[in-house]
C-alpha cells in the first residue's frame, strides 16, 4: 500500500525502528510487517493511530489510501 511508503519515510525521519513503531502504536510486529502487502482499505482506527503518532490528521491517512485506490481503479478501466 502506498501509505506504507509514507510510514517507512516517517520512521526514517524520526530514526525509529519497526520495533519502536510497534511499541508506540501498539501494533504487533506481524501487523507492521504485513502493512506493505495488505490490500484492505485503511481503517479508521489505524488511520487515527497513525495521525496521532505522526502528528497528522486521520484524514491525511484516509485520503492517501483512497487516492491510491482511485489511481489503481483508474488504471484498470
C-alpha atoms as a PDB file:
ATOM      1  CA  UNK A   1       0.000   0.000   0.000  1.00  0.00           C
ATOM      2  CA  UNK A   2       1.111   3.485  -0.729  1.00  0.00           C
ATOM      3  CA  UNK A   3       0.751   4.594   2.870  1.00  0.00           C
ATOM      4  CA  UNK A   4       3.374   2.040   3.937  1.00  0.00           C
ATOM      5  CA  UNK A   5       5.930   4.063   1.959  1.00  0.00           C
ATOM      6  CA  UNK A   6       4.965   7.141   3.961  1.00  0.00           C
ATOM      7  CA  UNK A   7       5.177   5.195   7.218  1.00  0.00           C
ATOM      8  CA  UNK A   8       8.676   3.983   6.375  1.00  0.00           C
ATOM      9  CA  UNK A   9       9.652   7.543   5.441  1.00  0.00           C
ATOM     10  CA  UNK A  10       8.363   8.819   8.779  1.00  0.00           C
ATOM     11  CA  UNK A  11      10.222   6.099  10.673  1.00  0.00           C
ATOM     12  CA  UNK A  12      13.435   7.046   8.923  1.00  0.00           C
ATOM     13  CA  UNK A  13      12.950  10.760   9.660  1.00  0.00           C
ATOM     14  CA  UNK A  14      12.397  10.012  13.328  1.00  0.00           C
ATOM     15  CA  UNK A  15      15.140   7.362  13.423  1.00  0.00           C
ATOM     16  CA  UNK A  16      12.625   4.830  14.764  1.00  0.00           C
ATOM     17  CA  UNK A  17      12.924   1.123  14.195  1.00  0.00           C
ATOM     18  CA  UNK A  18       9.931  -1.018  13.397  1.00  0.00           C
ATOM     19  CA  UNK A  19      10.172  -2.244  16.994  1.00  0.00           C
ATOM     20  CA  UNK A  20       9.942   1.386  18.218  1.00  0.00           C
ATOM     21  CA  UNK A  21       6.933   1.893  15.969  1.00  0.00           C
ATOM     22  CA  UNK A  22       5.277  -1.259  17.317  1.00  0.00           C
ATOM     23  CA  UNK A  23       5.742  -0.125  20.891  1.00  0.00           C
ATOM     24  CA  UNK A  24       4.448   3.395  20.184  1.00  0.00           C
ATOM     25  CA  UNK A  25       1.381   2.294  18.217  1.00  0.00           C
ATOM     26  CA  UNK A  26       0.549  -0.935  19.985  1.00  0.00           C
ATOM     27  CA  UNK A  27       0.671  -2.751  16.640  1.00  0.00           C
ATOM     28  CA  UNK A  28       2.281  -6.166  16.582  1.00  0.00           C
ATOM     29  CA  UNK A  29       5.467  -6.769  14.627  1.00  0.00           C
ATOM     30  CA  UNK A  30       3.446  -9.071  12.366  1.00  0.00           C
ATOM     31  CA  UNK A  31       0.904  -6.335  11.650  1.00  0.00           C
ATOM     32  CA  UNK A  32       3.654  -3.848  10.823  1.00  0.00           C
ATOM     33  CA  UNK A  33       5.454  -6.258   8.504  1.00  0.00           C
ATOM     34  CA  UNK A  34       2.167  -7.014   6.701  1.00  0.00           C
ATOM     35  CA  UNK A  35       1.209  -3.355   6.100  1.00  0.00           C
ATOM     36  CA  UNK A  36       3.017  -3.056   2.739  1.00  0.00           C
ATOM     37  CA  UNK A  37       1.244  -6.188   1.464  1.00  0.00           C
ATOM     38  CA  UNK A  38      -2.209  -5.561   2.917  1.00  0.00           C
ATOM     39  CA  UNK A  39      -4.800  -4.963   0.206  1.00  0.00           C
ATOM     40  CA  UNK A  40      -7.632  -3.998   2.525  1.00  0.00           C
ATOM     41  CA  UNK A  41      -8.592  -0.327   2.819  1.00  0.00           C
ATOM     42  CA  UNK A  42      -7.022   1.563   5.672  1.00  0.00           C
ATOM     43  CA  UNK A  43      -9.430   1.516   8.610  1.00  0.00           C
ATOM     44  CA  UNK A  44     -10.477   4.491  10.679  1.00  0.00           C
ATOM     45  CA  UNK A  45      -8.807   3.109  13.809  1.00  0.00           C
ATOM     46  CA  UNK A  46      -5.463   2.598  12.097  1.00  0.00           C
ATOM     47  CA  UNK A  47      -5.655   5.992  10.376  1.00  0.00           C
ATOM     48  CA  UNK A  48      -6.397   7.621  13.731  1.00  0.00           C
ATOM     49  CA  UNK A  49      -3.420   5.922  15.384  1.00  0.00           C
ATOM     50  CA  UNK A  50      -1.133   6.945  12.511  1.00  0.00           C
ATOM     51  CA  UNK A  51      -2.410  10.510  12.749  1.00  0.00           C
ATOM     52  CA  UNK A  52      -1.652  10.690  16.464  1.00  0.00           C
ATOM     53  CA  UNK A  53       1.751   9.044  16.195  1.00  0.00           C
ATOM     54  CA  UNK A  54       2.940  11.135  13.256  1.00  0.00           C
ATOM     55  CA  UNK A  55       1.153  14.349  14.306  1.00  0.00           C
ATOM     56  CA  UNK A  56      -1.030  14.462  11.216  1.00  0.00           C
ATOM     57  CA  UNK A  57      -4.760  14.126  10.763  1.00  0.00           C
ATOM     58  CA  UNK A  58      -6.738  10.930  10.421  1.00  0.00           C
ATOM     59  CA  UNK A  59      -7.998  12.401   7.139  1.00  0.00           C
ATOM     60  CA  UNK A  60      -4.445  12.615   5.812  1.00  0.00           C
ATOM     61  CA  UNK A  61      -4.026   8.835   6.027  1.00  0.00           C
ATOM     62  CA  UNK A  62      -7.517   8.030   4.788  1.00  0.00           C
ATOM     63  CA  UNK A  63      -7.140  10.387   1.815  1.00  0.00           C
ATOM     64  CA  UNK A  64      -3.735   8.938   0.992  1.00  0.00           C
ATOM     65  CA  UNK A  65      -5.193   5.448   0.928  1.00  0.00           C
ATOM     66  CA  UNK A  66      -8.307   6.467  -1.001  1.00  0.00           C
ATOM     67  CA  UNK A  67      -6.268   8.406  -3.569  1.00  0.00           C
ATOM     68  CA  UNK A  68      -4.095   5.380  -4.176  1.00  0.00           C
ATOM     69  CA  UNK A  69      -7.123   3.119  -4.565  1.00  0.00           C
ATOM     70  CA  UNK A  70      -8.697   5.562  -7.009  1.00  0.00           C
ATOM     71  CA  UNK A  71      -5.481   5.625  -9.044  1.00  0.00           C
ATOM     72  CA  UNK A  72      -5.377   1.805  -9.156  1.00  0.00           C
ATOM     73  CA  UNK A  73      -9.017   1.694 -10.257  1.00  0.00           C
ATOM     74  CA  UNK A  74      -8.406   4.287 -13.000  1.00  0.00           C
ATOM     75  CA  UNK A  75      -5.523   2.207 -14.339  1.00  0.00           C
ATOM     76  CA  UNK A  76      -7.859  -0.750 -14.737  1.00  0.00           C
ATOM     77  CA  UNK A  77     -10.507   0.984 -16.864  1.00  0.00           C
END
